[in-house]
Amino acid sequence: MVHRNTLIEERSISVKGMISYNDRIAQLIDCMIPDEISNKENIKLLKSKIYEYTLNMKFLKKK
């Protein structure tokens, strides 16, 4: 019985973590958007290199 309760508790913690994951990522991105990380040329290079690595068009479209 104790093992089953522990398993249920662990699953509950995992599910709560997964549910809050998207919110935490969205908050992180929101706080990063206004930051100036480099000059425009370097940012463009970074976007293209991340795209080459991930093949995710979202990186090329972001400002």
Protein backbone atom coordinates (compact mmCIF):
# COMPACT_ATOMS: atom_id res chain seq x y z
CA MET A 1 0.00 0.00 0.00
CA VAL A 2 2.83 2.43 0.85
CA HIS A 3 4.54 1.70 -2.48
CA ARG A 4 1.32 2.44 -4.38
CA ASN A 5 0.83 5.74 -2.54
CA THR A 6 4.42 6.74 -3.29
CA LEU A 7 3.93 5.90 -6.96
CA ILE A 8 0.74 7.98 -7.13
CA GLU A 9 2.49 10.90 -5.42
CA GLU A 10 5.43 10.72 -7.83
CA ARG A 11 3.08 10.70 -10.83
CA SER A 12 1.20 13.66 -9.41
CA ILE A 13 4.43 15.64 -9.03
CA SER A 14 5.48 14.74 -12.58
CA VAL A 15 2.15 15.82 -14.05
CA LYS A 16 2.22 19.13 -12.17
CA GLY A 17 5.72 19.75 -13.53
CA MET A 18 4.62 19.02 -17.09
CA ILE A 19 1.59 21.28 -16.79
CA SER A 20 3.64 24.22 -15.54
CA TYR A 21 6.44 23.62 -18.11
CA ASN A 22 4.73 25.57 -20.92
CA ASP A 23 3.95 28.48 -18.60
CA ARG A 24 7.54 28.66 -17.38
CA ILE A 25 8.94 28.58 -20.93
CA ALA A 26 6.47 31.29 -22.04
CA GLN A 27 7.48 33.49 -19.10
CA LEU A 28 11.16 32.98 -19.89
CA ILE A 29 10.67 33.94 -23.53
CA ASP A 30 8.55 36.96 -22.59
CA CYS A 31 11.25 38.35 -20.33
CA MET A 32 13.95 37.70 -22.95
CA ILE A 33 12.21 39.41 -25.89
CA PRO A 34 13.04 43.03 -24.97
CA ASP A 35 16.70 42.25 -24.19
CA GLU A 36 19.34 43.42 -26.66
CA ILE A 37 21.78 40.53 -26.82
CA SER A 38 23.98 41.71 -29.66
CA ASN A 39 24.07 43.71 -32.87
CA LYS A 40 21.61 42.89 -35.65
CA GLU A 41 24.19 41.10 -37.80
CA ASN A 42 25.18 38.69 -35.01
CA ILE A 43 21.55 38.04 -34.12
CA LYS A 44 20.81 37.19 -37.75
CA LEU A 45 23.78 34.80 -37.79
CA LEU A 46 22.62 33.18 -34.55
CA LYS A 47 19.11 32.67 -35.95
CA SER A 48 20.44 31.03 -39.08
CA LYS A 49 22.78 28.72 -37.14
CA ILE A 50 20.00 27.67 -34.76
CA TYR A 51 17.77 27.02 -37.78
CA GLU A 52 20.48 24.89 -39.42
CA TYR A 53 20.72 22.85 -36.22
CA THR A 54 16.97 22.49 -35.53
CA LEU A 55 15.37 23.00 -38.97
CA ASN A 56 12.67 24.94 -37.12
CA MET A 57 11.43 27.93 -39.14
CA LYS A 58 10.30 29.73 -35.97
CA PHE A 59 13.90 30.75 -35.31
CA LEU A 60 14.20 32.52 -38.64
CA LYS A 61 10.92 34.38 -38.19
CA LYS A 62 11.54 35.70 -34.66
CA LYS A 63 12.56 39.33 -34.20
